[in-house]
Protein backbone atom coordinates (compact mmCIF):
# COMPACT_ATOMS: atom_id res chain seq x y z
CA MET A 1 -11.73 -43.66 -74.85
CA GLN A 2 -14.49 -45.73 -76.53
CA ALA A 3 -15.43 -43.01 -79.11
CA LYS A 4 -11.90 -43.00 -80.52
CA ALA A 5 -11.93 -46.87 -80.71
CA ILE A 6 -15.30 -46.70 -82.60
CA ILE A 7 -13.95 -44.10 -85.03
CA ARG A 8 -10.82 -46.14 -85.65
CA ALA A 9 -12.84 -49.29 -86.20
CA PHE A 10 -15.32 -47.60 -88.60
CA TYR A 11 -12.99 -45.43 -90.59
CA GLY A 12 -9.86 -47.49 -90.35
CA LYS A 13 -7.85 -44.57 -88.99
CA ASP A 14 -7.61 -42.36 -85.98
CA SER A 15 -9.60 -39.08 -85.74
CA SER A 16 -7.43 -36.08 -86.67
CA ARG A 17 -8.97 -33.78 -83.98
CA ASN A 18 -10.74 -34.57 -80.74
CA TYR A 19 -12.96 -32.31 -78.78
CA PHE A 20 -14.81 -32.51 -75.39
CA VAL A 21 -17.83 -30.45 -74.35
CA GLY A 22 -19.42 -30.66 -70.94
CA CYS A 23 -21.46 -28.50 -68.48
CA SER A 24 -21.92 -28.66 -64.72
CA ASP A 25 -20.64 -32.13 -63.79
CA GLY A 26 -19.52 -32.37 -67.37
CA GLY A 27 -17.69 -29.14 -66.94
CA ARG A 28 -15.93 -30.71 -63.89
CA GLU A 29 -14.98 -33.62 -66.18
CA ALA A 30 -13.85 -31.26 -68.86
CA LEU A 31 -11.39 -29.54 -66.57
CA MET A 32 -10.34 -32.87 -65.20
CA GLU A 33 -9.39 -33.94 -68.83
CA ALA A 34 -7.36 -30.79 -69.28
CA GLN A 35 -5.64 -31.11 -65.84
CA ARG A 36 -4.93 -34.87 -65.73
CA TYR A 37 -5.17 -36.23 -69.22
CA ALA A 38 -3.65 -33.57 -71.49
CA GLU A 39 -3.24 -35.98 -74.43
CA ASP A 40 -6.94 -36.92 -74.81
CA PHE A 41 -8.35 -33.84 -76.59
CA ASP A 42 -7.30 -31.00 -78.76
CA GLY A 43 -10.08 -28.59 -77.63
CA ILE A 44 -12.19 -28.54 -74.52
CA ILE A 45 -15.26 -26.48 -73.49
CA ALA A 46 -15.93 -26.52 -69.80
CA GLY A 47 -19.32 -25.06 -69.00
CA ALA A 48 -20.30 -23.97 -65.50
CA PRO A 49 -17.87 -26.55 -64.01
CA ALA A 50 -18.74 -27.91 -60.59
CA ASN A 51 -15.05 -28.60 -60.23
CA ASP A 52 -14.60 -28.00 -56.56
CA TRP A 53 -16.85 -31.03 -55.88
CA SER A 54 -16.10 -31.61 -52.21
CA HIS A 55 -16.73 -27.99 -51.19
CA HIS A 56 -19.58 -27.40 -53.60
CA PHE A 57 -21.42 -30.30 -51.94
CA THR A 58 -20.52 -29.04 -48.54
CA GLY A 59 -22.45 -25.95 -49.48
CA PHE A 60 -25.49 -28.11 -50.28
CA VAL A 61 -25.40 -29.57 -46.71
CA TRP A 62 -24.91 -26.08 -45.33
CA ASN A 63 -28.08 -25.02 -46.95
CA GLU A 64 -29.83 -28.12 -45.90
CA GLN A 65 -28.96 -27.54 -42.28
CA ALA A 66 -30.07 -23.90 -42.55
CA LEU A 67 -33.48 -24.62 -44.12
CA LEU A 68 -34.23 -27.89 -42.28
CA LYS A 69 -32.93 -26.64 -38.83
CA ASP A 70 -36.67 -26.86 -37.84
CA THR A 71 -40.02 -26.63 -39.59
CA ALA A 72 -40.03 -22.86 -39.19
CA SER A 73 -36.78 -22.33 -41.14
CA ALA A 74 -38.02 -23.64 -44.50
CA ILE A 75 -38.72 -20.88 -47.13
CA PRO A 76 -41.66 -21.89 -49.36
CA PRO A 77 -41.19 -21.30 -53.10
CA GLU A 78 -44.11 -18.86 -53.24
CA LYS A 79 -41.92 -16.42 -51.20
CA LEU A 80 -39.11 -16.43 -53.72
CA PRO A 81 -40.59 -13.59 -55.90
CA LEU A 82 -40.90 -11.54 -52.69
CA ILE A 83 -37.26 -12.09 -51.95
CA GLN A 84 -36.12 -11.35 -55.50
CA SER A 85 -38.20 -8.21 -55.72
CA ALA A 86 -36.70 -6.85 -52.46
CA VAL A 87 -33.18 -7.57 -53.78
CA LEU A 88 -33.85 -5.77 -56.99
CA ALA A 89 -35.25 -2.83 -55.11
CA ALA A 90 -32.16 -2.61 -53.07
CA CYS A 91 -29.52 -3.38 -55.83
CA ASP A 92 -30.91 -3.11 -59.38
CA THR A 93 -29.96 0.55 -59.99
CA LEU A 94 -26.47 0.36 -58.51
CA ASP A 95 -25.22 0.21 -62.05
CA GLY A 96 -27.24 3.24 -63.01
CA VAL A 97 -29.79 1.32 -65.06
CA ASN A 98 -33.19 0.04 -63.95
CA ASP A 99 -33.43 -3.20 -65.94
CA GLY A 100 -34.52 -5.90 -63.44
CA LEU A 101 -31.00 -7.20 -63.09
CA VAL A 102 -28.22 -7.01 -60.47
CA GLU A 103 -25.28 -6.24 -62.61
CA ASP A 104 -22.67 -7.17 -60.07
CA PRO A 105 -23.90 -9.21 -57.18
CA ARG A 106 -20.59 -8.55 -55.35
CA VAL A 107 -21.62 -5.03 -54.57
CA CYS A 108 -25.15 -5.85 -53.59
CA ARG A 109 -25.41 -5.47 -49.89
CA PHE A 110 -28.99 -6.70 -49.49
CA ASP A 111 -30.07 -7.29 -45.89
CA PRO A 112 -32.73 -10.10 -45.55
CA SER A 113 -33.90 -8.58 -42.30
CA VAL A 114 -35.86 -5.99 -44.15
CA LEU A 115 -38.32 -8.82 -45.00
CA THR A 116 -38.86 -9.78 -41.32
CA CYS A 117 -42.54 -10.02 -40.47
CA LYS A 118 -43.83 -7.35 -38.11
CA ASP A 119 -46.93 -9.25 -37.18
CA ALA A 120 -47.59 -13.03 -37.01
CA GLY A 121 -50.49 -12.97 -39.53
CA GLN A 122 -48.45 -11.33 -42.35
CA SER A 123 -47.83 -13.30 -45.54
CA GLU A 124 -45.75 -10.89 -47.60
CA CYS A 125 -42.76 -11.23 -45.35
CA LEU A 126 -40.26 -13.73 -43.79
CA THR A 127 -40.33 -15.07 -40.24
CA PRO A 128 -37.14 -14.55 -38.24
CA PRO A 129 -36.04 -18.26 -38.81
CA GLN A 130 -36.60 -17.82 -42.44
CA VAL A 131 -34.51 -14.66 -42.47
CA GLU A 132 -31.70 -16.55 -40.68
CA ALA A 133 -31.87 -19.39 -43.21
CA LEU A 134 -31.75 -16.92 -46.12
CA ARG A 135 -28.83 -15.07 -44.67
CA LYS A 136 -26.89 -18.43 -44.43
CA ILE A 137 -27.69 -19.27 -48.03
CA TYR A 138 -26.26 -15.93 -49.18
CA SER A 139 -23.17 -16.19 -46.92
CA GLY A 140 -22.17 -19.75 -47.74
CA PRO A 141 -20.34 -22.28 -45.58
CA ARG A 142 -17.52 -21.24 -43.31
CA ASN A 143 -15.19 -23.17 -41.12
CA PRO A 144 -16.46 -22.45 -37.56
CA ARG A 145 -12.97 -22.72 -36.11
CA THR A 146 -11.00 -20.59 -38.54
CA GLY A 147 -13.80 -18.52 -40.17
CA ALA A 148 -12.37 -19.47 -43.61
CA GLN A 149 -14.86 -19.47 -46.39
CA ILE A 150 -15.36 -23.14 -47.60
CA TYR A 151 -17.42 -22.31 -50.66
CA PRO A 152 -19.21 -19.15 -51.97
CA GLY A 153 -22.87 -18.57 -51.06
CA TYR A 154 -25.61 -17.82 -53.59
CA SER A 155 -25.73 -14.53 -55.24
CA PRO A 156 -28.82 -12.42 -54.61
CA GLY A 157 -31.07 -11.35 -57.48
CA THR A 158 -32.23 -14.67 -59.20
CA GLU A 159 -34.06 -16.38 -56.38
CA ALA A 160 -37.34 -16.71 -58.40
CA ALA A 161 -35.70 -17.57 -61.75
CA PRO A 162 -37.16 -20.71 -63.45
CA GLY A 163 -35.32 -23.93 -62.55
CA SER A 164 -33.34 -22.20 -59.83
CA TRP A 165 -34.09 -21.99 -56.11
CA ALA A 166 -37.58 -23.52 -56.32
CA ALA A 167 -36.10 -26.77 -57.59
CA TRP A 168 -32.55 -26.81 -56.20
CA ILE A 169 -32.86 -25.11 -52.79
CA THR A 170 -36.42 -24.33 -51.62
CA PRO A 171 -39.05 -26.62 -53.22
CA ALA A 172 -42.60 -27.04 -51.78
CA ALA A 173 -41.45 -30.26 -50.07
CA PRO A 174 -38.31 -28.76 -48.33
CA GLU A 175 -36.50 -32.04 -47.82
CA LYS A 176 -36.75 -32.84 -51.58
CA ALA A 177 -34.43 -30.09 -52.75
CA ILE A 178 -32.19 -31.40 -55.57
CA GLN A 179 -28.99 -30.18 -53.97
CA PHE A 180 -29.74 -31.98 -50.67
CA ARG A 181 -29.72 -35.27 -52.45
CA PHE A 182 -26.36 -34.54 -53.89
CA GLY A 183 -24.96 -33.34 -50.62
CA ASN A 184 -26.24 -36.32 -48.69
CA THR A 185 -25.03 -38.99 -51.10
CA TYR A 186 -21.60 -37.32 -51.28
CA TYR A 187 -21.04 -37.38 -47.49
CA GLY A 188 -23.20 -40.42 -46.69
CA GLN A 189 -21.77 -42.63 -49.39
CA ALA A 190 -18.44 -41.31 -50.82
CA VAL A 191 -17.08 -39.88 -47.59
CA PHE A 192 -18.46 -41.80 -44.61
CA GLU A 193 -19.91 -44.89 -46.39
CA ASP A 194 -22.75 -44.89 -43.94
CA PRO A 195 -26.39 -45.21 -45.35
CA GLN A 196 -27.65 -43.85 -42.03
CA TRP A 197 -25.49 -40.72 -42.06
CA ASP A 198 -27.41 -37.65 -40.83
CA PHE A 199 -26.73 -34.30 -42.51
CA ARG A 200 -27.33 -32.59 -39.14
CA THR A 201 -24.15 -34.08 -37.86
CA LEU A 202 -21.72 -32.57 -40.46
CA ASN A 203 -18.82 -30.78 -38.83
CA PHE A 204 -17.77 -27.97 -41.12
CA ASP A 205 -14.16 -28.18 -39.89
CA SER A 206 -12.98 -31.80 -39.38
CA ASP A 207 -15.57 -33.55 -41.57
CA VAL A 208 -14.83 -31.27 -44.47
CA THR A 209 -11.09 -31.86 -44.11
CA PHE A 210 -11.69 -35.62 -43.98
CA GLY A 211 -13.91 -35.40 -47.16
CA ASP A 212 -11.28 -33.47 -49.00
CA GLN A 213 -8.53 -36.00 -48.16
CA LYS A 214 -10.68 -39.12 -48.85
CA ALA A 215 -12.89 -38.18 -51.84
CA GLY A 216 -11.94 -34.68 -52.95
CA VAL A 217 -8.56 -35.74 -54.25
CA ILE A 218 -10.31 -37.99 -56.67
CA LEU A 219 -13.49 -36.06 -57.56
CA ASN A 220 -12.18 -32.40 -57.65
CA SER A 221 -10.72 -30.91 -60.80
CA ASN A 222 -9.50 -27.61 -59.25
CA SER A 223 -5.81 -27.63 -60.16
CA PRO A 224 -4.67 -24.48 -61.87
CA ASP A 225 -1.76 -26.34 -63.56
CA LEU A 226 -2.60 -26.64 -67.30
CA ARG A 227 0.98 -26.61 -68.53
CA SER A 228 0.88 -30.06 -70.02
CA PHE A 229 -2.37 -29.29 -71.92
CA ARG A 230 -0.94 -25.95 -73.16
CA ALA A 231 2.38 -27.50 -74.15
CA ARG A 232 0.66 -29.96 -76.61
CA GLY A 233 -1.35 -27.10 -78.11
CA GLY A 234 -4.61 -27.71 -76.31
CA LYS A 235 -7.29 -25.01 -76.35
CA LEU A 236 -9.76 -24.58 -73.44
CA ILE A 237 -12.93 -22.36 -73.38
CA GLN A 238 -14.65 -21.93 -70.01
CA TYR A 239 -17.96 -20.22 -69.29
CA SER A 240 -20.16 -19.99 -66.32
CA ALA A 241 -24.02 -19.67 -65.92
CA ARG A 242 -25.38 -17.65 -63.01
CA ARG A 243 -28.35 -18.96 -61.13
């Protein structure tokens, strides 16, 4: 805890209160502090925590396999407004208000097949491979043997939001999606320690289990046990941001 050491050296005494604020990976670290190091901080804010690291990054590879299955599967960013408009047309008014938002994505039953191109020359539609890829992004990764959900898919309704899908999932250069780099380095380096590891080879049953056992136990901060943090009077605020 270098910050505490600096404060002690400068002021000649320990800080009376200590706080931690982090978001995304920082939110994962925030929860890790509360779960593993209850004595470090009096108050913690964990924003949008990527705390189920091993499964979250498995979802990244799931999307990569879906979108890069072949050249026909990639969804160009210019089609994201088309997708979002179709989602809003299907689900915006489910809450009784037409406000350009899907109030509760859990009740939105949008079927991507409604966007399937009828003719080869159409542009305001999705090809069958793109529809299949979109469906997989929404559904999220599942264990092919047990059918168990590994990690949630992406909620419909914010596909064209700034800084969202166009950067993280479906950029103009499909192979350069931000989340693909995270997924590939997690499995290629942390799990298999193989610089030549190919995302197409990931087994969503045995490889995920291996990753959980080797790296997940270190990187994940998904324990619900906060008794030690609570016992010493720690306060935790957690929030999430929807993409």
